[in-house]
């Protein structure tokens, strides 16, 4: 499991870096990376829950900062392709793995809906 944690973190960070800007040329890479992250999360839903919780919370904090602060930087963190693509990724993960009633990821659906 520690290796899976390192892989999950590394894949998500690679996805977040690759999803900063979108173009027709970059779209296949972003789609491939999102599919890889979803498949990796399916390998161990409990480990995926830990990472999803942290990263969905981080997205929520960025959104809260954009609402509360009036700085351009706070707004740029939310009004960006990176934020949109990261929200989309976690929606894909929750749709793919969070459907069963006993899935630990199901508990994160409400949190993700609140930031969309």
N, C-alpha and C. Protein backbone atom coordinates (compact mmCIF):
# COMPACT_ATOMS: atom_id res chain seq x y z
N UNK A 1 0.79 -1.23 0.00
CA UNK A 1 0.00 0.00 0.00
C UNK A 1 0.83 1.29 0.00
N UNK A 2 1.98 1.35 0.68
CA UNK A 2 2.74 2.60 0.60
C UNK A 2 3.15 2.93 -0.84
N UNK A 3 3.46 1.92 -1.64
CA UNK A 3 3.82 2.16 -3.04
C UNK A 3 2.62 2.70 -3.81
N UNK A 4 1.45 2.17 -3.52
CA UNK A 4 0.24 2.66 -4.18
C UNK A 4 -0.03 4.12 -3.80
N UNK A 5 0.22 4.47 -2.54
CA UNK A 5 0.04 5.87 -2.11
C UNK A 5 0.97 6.80 -2.88
N UNK A 6 2.21 6.38 -3.05
CA UNK A 6 3.17 7.20 -3.80
C UNK A 6 2.72 7.33 -5.26
N UNK A 7 2.23 6.23 -5.82
CA UNK A 7 1.76 6.26 -7.21
C UNK A 7 0.53 7.15 -7.36
N UNK A 8 -0.42 7.06 -6.43
CA UNK A 8 -1.62 7.90 -6.50
C UNK A 8 -1.26 9.38 -6.41
N UNK A 9 -0.39 9.71 -5.48
CA UNK A 9 0.01 11.10 -5.32
C UNK A 9 0.75 11.60 -6.56
N UNK A 10 1.67 10.80 -7.04
CA UNK A 10 2.45 11.19 -8.22
C UNK A 10 1.59 11.34 -9.46
N UNK A 11 0.64 10.42 -9.65
CA UNK A 11 -0.24 10.50 -10.81
C UNK A 11 -1.14 11.73 -10.74
N UNK A 12 -1.68 12.01 -9.56
CA UNK A 12 -2.55 13.18 -9.43
C UNK A 12 -1.77 14.46 -9.66
N UNK A 13 -0.58 14.56 -9.10
CA UNK A 13 0.22 15.77 -9.29
C UNK A 13 0.63 15.93 -10.75
N UNK A 14 0.94 14.83 -11.42
CA UNK A 14 1.26 14.89 -12.85
C UNK A 14 0.02 15.33 -13.64
N UNK A 15 -1.13 14.83 -13.24
CA UNK A 15 -2.37 15.25 -13.90
C UNK A 15 -2.61 16.74 -13.69
N UNK A 16 -2.47 17.20 -12.46
CA UNK A 16 -2.72 18.61 -12.15
C UNK A 16 -1.75 19.51 -12.93
N UNK A 17 -0.50 19.10 -13.03
CA UNK A 17 0.46 19.89 -13.80
C UNK A 17 0.11 19.89 -15.28
N UNK A 18 -0.29 18.74 -15.79
CA UNK A 18 -0.61 18.63 -17.22
C UNK A 18 -1.92 19.29 -17.60
N UNK A 19 -2.78 19.54 -16.62
CA UNK A 19 -4.10 20.11 -16.89
C UNK A 19 -4.13 21.62 -16.68
N UNK A 20 -3.00 22.26 -16.56
CA UNK A 20 -2.96 23.71 -16.31
C UNK A 20 -3.53 24.51 -17.47
N UNK A 21 -3.23 24.07 -18.66
CA UNK A 21 -3.77 24.75 -19.83
C UNK A 21 -4.32 23.71 -20.78
N UNK A 22 -5.31 24.10 -21.55
CA UNK A 22 -5.95 23.16 -22.45
C UNK A 22 -5.80 23.64 -23.89
N UNK A 23 -5.58 22.69 -24.74
CA UNK A 23 -5.56 22.94 -26.17
C UNK A 23 -5.95 21.64 -26.85
N UNK A 24 -6.20 21.72 -28.11
CA UNK A 24 -6.58 20.51 -28.85
C UNK A 24 -5.45 19.48 -28.79
N UNK A 25 -4.22 19.95 -28.81
CA UNK A 25 -3.07 19.04 -28.78
C UNK A 25 -2.89 18.38 -27.40
N UNK A 26 -3.22 19.10 -26.33
CA UNK A 26 -3.02 18.59 -24.97
C UNK A 26 -4.18 17.72 -24.49
N UNK A 27 -5.33 17.84 -25.10
CA UNK A 27 -6.51 17.12 -24.64
C UNK A 27 -6.31 15.61 -24.54
N UNK A 28 -5.72 14.93 -25.55
CA UNK A 28 -5.53 13.47 -25.41
C UNK A 28 -4.68 13.09 -24.20
N UNK A 29 -3.67 13.90 -23.89
CA UNK A 29 -2.82 13.61 -22.73
C UNK A 29 -3.60 13.73 -21.43
N UNK A 30 -4.41 14.77 -21.33
CA UNK A 30 -5.21 14.99 -20.12
C UNK A 30 -6.23 13.86 -19.95
N UNK A 31 -6.86 13.44 -21.05
CA UNK A 31 -7.83 12.35 -20.99
C UNK A 31 -7.14 11.04 -20.59
N UNK A 32 -5.96 10.78 -21.15
CA UNK A 32 -5.22 9.56 -20.79
C UNK A 32 -4.83 9.58 -19.32
N UNK A 33 -4.32 10.69 -18.85
CA UNK A 33 -3.93 10.78 -17.44
C UNK A 33 -5.13 10.62 -16.51
N UNK A 34 -6.27 11.17 -16.89
CA UNK A 34 -7.45 11.01 -16.04
C UNK A 34 -7.89 9.56 -16.00
N UNK A 35 -7.83 8.87 -17.12
CA UNK A 35 -8.18 7.45 -17.14
C UNK A 35 -7.22 6.63 -16.27
N UNK A 36 -5.95 6.98 -16.32
CA UNK A 36 -4.96 6.28 -15.49
C UNK A 36 -5.22 6.50 -14.00
N UNK A 37 -5.55 7.73 -13.62
CA UNK A 37 -5.84 8.03 -12.22
C UNK A 37 -7.08 7.27 -11.76
N UNK A 38 -8.12 7.24 -12.59
CA UNK A 38 -9.34 6.50 -12.23
C UNK A 38 -9.02 5.02 -12.05
N UNK A 39 -8.26 4.44 -12.96
CA UNK A 39 -7.91 3.02 -12.85
C UNK A 39 -7.05 2.74 -11.62
N UNK A 40 -6.14 3.64 -11.32
CA UNK A 40 -5.30 3.47 -10.15
C UNK A 40 -6.12 3.57 -8.86
N UNK A 41 -7.08 4.47 -8.84
CA UNK A 41 -7.96 4.60 -7.66
C UNK A 41 -8.82 3.35 -7.48
N UNK A 42 -9.18 2.72 -8.58
CA UNK A 42 -10.00 1.50 -8.50
C UNK A 42 -9.23 0.34 -7.89
N UNK A 43 -7.91 0.38 -7.94
CA UNK A 43 -7.09 -0.70 -7.38
C UNK A 43 -7.25 -0.81 -5.87
N UNK A 44 -7.41 0.31 -5.19
CA UNK A 44 -7.58 0.32 -3.73
C UNK A 44 -8.45 1.51 -3.33
N UNK A 45 -9.78 1.30 -3.26
CA UNK A 45 -10.68 2.42 -2.94
C UNK A 45 -10.40 3.08 -1.59
N UNK A 46 -9.91 2.33 -0.62
CA UNK A 46 -9.62 2.93 0.69
C UNK A 46 -8.45 3.91 0.59
N UNK A 47 -7.41 3.53 -0.11
CA UNK A 47 -6.28 4.45 -0.31
C UNK A 47 -6.72 5.62 -1.17
N UNK A 48 -7.55 5.35 -2.16
CA UNK A 48 -8.06 6.42 -3.02
C UNK A 48 -8.89 7.41 -2.21
N UNK A 49 -9.62 6.91 -1.23
CA UNK A 49 -10.42 7.80 -0.38
C UNK A 49 -9.53 8.81 0.35
N UNK A 50 -8.42 8.34 0.88
CA UNK A 50 -7.51 9.23 1.61
C UNK A 50 -7.01 10.36 0.72
N UNK A 51 -6.61 10.01 -0.49
CA UNK A 51 -6.10 11.02 -1.41
C UNK A 51 -7.22 11.92 -1.91
N UNK A 52 -8.34 11.34 -2.25
CA UNK A 52 -9.46 12.14 -2.74
C UNK A 52 -9.92 13.13 -1.68
N UNK A 53 -9.96 12.69 -0.43
CA UNK A 53 -10.36 13.59 0.65
C UNK A 53 -9.44 14.80 0.72
N UNK A 54 -8.15 14.55 0.69
CA UNK A 54 -7.16 15.64 0.80
C UNK A 54 -7.28 16.59 -0.39
N UNK A 55 -7.37 16.05 -1.60
CA UNK A 55 -7.35 16.91 -2.78
C UNK A 55 -8.68 17.61 -3.01
N UNK A 56 -9.79 16.98 -2.68
CA UNK A 56 -11.09 17.66 -2.78
C UNK A 56 -11.15 18.78 -1.74
N UNK A 57 -10.62 18.51 -0.56
CA UNK A 57 -10.55 19.56 0.48
C UNK A 57 -9.70 20.73 0.00
N UNK A 58 -8.59 20.43 -0.65
CA UNK A 58 -7.72 21.48 -1.17
C UNK A 58 -8.45 22.33 -2.22
N UNK A 59 -9.22 21.69 -3.07
CA UNK A 59 -10.01 22.44 -4.06
C UNK A 59 -11.04 23.32 -3.37
N UNK A 60 -11.66 22.80 -2.31
CA UNK A 60 -12.64 23.58 -1.56
C UNK A 60 -12.00 24.79 -0.89
N UNK A 61 -10.80 24.63 -0.40
CA UNK A 61 -10.08 25.74 0.23
C UNK A 61 -9.76 26.83 -0.81
N UNK A 62 -9.34 26.41 -2.00
CA UNK A 62 -9.09 27.38 -3.07
C UNK A 62 -10.37 28.15 -3.41
N UNK A 63 -11.48 27.44 -3.47
CA UNK A 63 -12.75 28.10 -3.77
C UNK A 63 -13.15 29.06 -2.66
N UNK A 64 -13.00 28.64 -1.41
CA UNK A 64 -13.32 29.52 -0.28
C UNK A 64 -12.46 30.78 -0.30
N UNK A 65 -11.17 30.61 -0.59
CA UNK A 65 -10.28 31.76 -0.66
C UNK A 65 -10.69 32.71 -1.78
N UNK A 66 -11.13 32.17 -2.90
CA UNK A 66 -11.56 33.02 -4.01
C UNK A 66 -12.82 33.79 -3.66
N UNK A 67 -13.67 33.20 -2.84
CA UNK A 67 -14.90 33.88 -2.44
C UNK A 67 -14.62 34.94 -1.38
N UNK A 68 -13.76 34.63 -0.43
CA UNK A 68 -13.51 35.54 0.69
C UNK A 68 -12.51 36.63 0.37
N UNK A 69 -11.49 36.33 -0.39
CA UNK A 69 -10.45 37.31 -0.70
C UNK A 69 -10.77 37.98 -2.04
N UNK A 70 -10.30 39.16 -2.18
CA UNK A 70 -10.55 39.88 -3.44
C UNK A 70 -9.30 39.96 -4.30
N UNK A 71 -8.30 39.18 -3.98
CA UNK A 71 -7.06 39.24 -4.75
C UNK A 71 -7.21 38.52 -6.09
N UNK A 72 -6.47 39.00 -7.05
CA UNK A 72 -6.50 38.38 -8.37
C UNK A 72 -5.95 36.96 -8.33
N UNK A 73 -4.94 36.73 -7.50
CA UNK A 73 -4.34 35.39 -7.40
C UNK A 73 -5.35 34.37 -6.90
N UNK A 74 -6.15 34.72 -5.90
CA UNK A 74 -7.16 33.81 -5.37
C UNK A 74 -8.20 33.48 -6.44
N UNK A 75 -8.56 34.47 -7.23
CA UNK A 75 -9.53 34.23 -8.30
C UNK A 75 -8.93 33.39 -9.42
N UNK A 76 -7.66 33.63 -9.73
CA UNK A 76 -6.99 32.87 -10.79
C UNK A 76 -6.88 31.38 -10.46
N UNK A 77 -6.77 31.06 -9.17
CA UNK A 77 -6.66 29.65 -8.79
C UNK A 77 -7.95 28.90 -9.07
N UNK A 78 -9.07 29.59 -9.05
CA UNK A 78 -10.36 28.95 -9.29
C UNK A 78 -10.78 29.08 -10.75
N UNK A 79 -10.57 30.24 -11.33
CA UNK A 79 -10.92 30.46 -12.73
C UNK A 79 -9.77 30.01 -13.61
N UNK A 80 -9.53 28.70 -13.62
CA UNK A 80 -8.43 28.16 -14.40
C UNK A 80 -8.80 26.77 -14.91
N UNK A 81 -8.13 26.37 -15.97
CA UNK A 81 -8.35 25.03 -16.49
C UNK A 81 -7.90 23.97 -15.48
N UNK A 82 -6.88 24.28 -14.73
CA UNK A 82 -6.38 23.32 -13.75
C UNK A 82 -7.45 23.01 -12.71
N UNK A 83 -8.12 24.01 -12.18
CA UNK A 83 -9.16 23.80 -11.18
C UNK A 83 -10.31 23.01 -11.79
N UNK A 84 -10.76 23.42 -12.97
CA UNK A 84 -11.88 22.74 -13.62
C UNK A 84 -11.54 21.28 -13.91
N UNK A 85 -10.35 21.04 -14.43
CA UNK A 85 -9.97 19.67 -14.76
C UNK A 85 -9.79 18.81 -13.52
N UNK A 86 -9.31 19.37 -12.43
CA UNK A 86 -9.16 18.60 -11.19
C UNK A 86 -10.53 18.24 -10.61
N UNK A 87 -11.47 19.17 -10.66
CA UNK A 87 -12.83 18.86 -10.21
C UNK A 87 -13.42 17.76 -11.10
N UNK A 88 -13.20 17.88 -12.40
CA UNK A 88 -13.70 16.87 -13.35
C UNK A 88 -13.08 15.50 -13.06
N UNK A 89 -11.80 15.48 -12.74
CA UNK A 89 -11.14 14.21 -12.44
C UNK A 89 -11.77 13.53 -11.24
N UNK A 90 -11.98 14.28 -10.15
CA UNK A 90 -12.56 13.65 -8.96
C UNK A 90 -14.01 13.25 -9.19
N UNK A 91 -14.71 13.95 -10.06
CA UNK A 91 -16.06 13.53 -10.43
C UNK A 91 -16.00 12.20 -11.18
N UNK A 92 -15.03 12.04 -12.05
CA UNK A 92 -14.87 10.77 -12.77
C UNK A 92 -14.53 9.63 -11.81
N UNK A 93 -13.66 9.90 -10.86
CA UNK A 93 -13.28 8.87 -9.88
C UNK A 93 -14.50 8.47 -9.06
N UNK A 94 -15.25 9.44 -8.57
CA UNK A 94 -16.41 9.12 -7.74
C UNK A 94 -17.50 8.42 -8.54
N UNK A 95 -17.68 8.79 -9.79
CA UNK A 95 -18.67 8.11 -10.63
C UNK A 95 -18.26 6.67 -10.93
N UNK A 96 -16.98 6.45 -11.12
CA UNK A 96 -16.51 5.11 -11.47
C UNK A 96 -16.43 4.18 -10.26
N UNK A 97 -16.05 4.70 -9.10
CA UNK A 97 -15.77 3.84 -7.96
C UNK A 97 -16.73 4.07 -6.80
N UNK A 98 -17.35 5.21 -6.73
CA UNK A 98 -18.17 5.56 -5.57
C UNK A 98 -19.62 5.14 -5.65
N UNK A 99 -20.01 4.38 -6.67
CA UNK A 99 -21.40 3.98 -6.81
C UNK A 99 -21.88 2.97 -5.77
N UNK A 100 -21.09 1.93 -5.48
CA UNK A 100 -21.58 0.96 -4.48
C UNK A 100 -21.82 1.61 -3.12
N UNK A 101 -22.84 1.14 -2.44
CA UNK A 101 -23.21 1.72 -1.14
C UNK A 101 -22.08 1.59 -0.13
N UNK A 102 -21.31 0.52 -0.21
CA UNK A 102 -20.25 0.29 0.77
C UNK A 102 -18.91 0.91 0.36
N UNK A 103 -18.87 1.66 -0.74
CA UNK A 103 -17.63 2.28 -1.19
C UNK A 103 -17.27 3.45 -0.27
N UNK A 104 -16.02 3.51 0.18
CA UNK A 104 -15.61 4.63 1.03
C UNK A 104 -15.67 5.97 0.28
N UNK A 105 -15.50 5.95 -1.03
CA UNK A 105 -15.52 7.18 -1.81
C UNK A 105 -16.91 7.80 -1.90
N UNK A 106 -17.92 7.03 -1.63
CA UNK A 106 -19.29 7.54 -1.71
C UNK A 106 -19.50 8.70 -0.72
N UNK A 107 -18.77 8.69 0.38
CA UNK A 107 -18.90 9.74 1.39
C UNK A 107 -18.42 11.10 0.88
N UNK A 108 -17.66 11.12 -0.20
CA UNK A 108 -17.10 12.37 -0.71
C UNK A 108 -17.97 13.03 -1.78
N UNK A 109 -19.04 12.37 -2.17
CA UNK A 109 -19.88 12.92 -3.24
C UNK A 109 -20.44 14.28 -2.85
N UNK A 110 -20.97 14.39 -1.65
CA UNK A 110 -21.55 15.66 -1.20
C UNK A 110 -20.51 16.78 -1.21
N UNK A 111 -19.30 16.48 -0.73
CA UNK A 111 -18.25 17.49 -0.69
C UNK A 111 -17.89 17.97 -2.09
N UNK A 112 -17.82 17.04 -3.03
CA UNK A 112 -17.47 17.43 -4.39
C UNK A 112 -18.59 18.24 -5.03
N UNK A 113 -19.82 17.86 -4.78
CA UNK A 113 -20.96 18.61 -5.34
C UNK A 113 -20.97 20.04 -4.81
N UNK A 114 -20.56 20.23 -3.57
CA UNK A 114 -20.56 21.57 -2.98
C UNK A 114 -19.59 22.52 -3.66
N UNK A 115 -18.52 22.01 -4.25
CA UNK A 115 -17.55 22.89 -4.88
C UNK A 115 -17.76 23.02 -6.40
N UNK A 116 -18.73 22.30 -6.94
CA UNK A 116 -18.96 22.40 -8.39
C UNK A 116 -19.95 23.46 -8.73
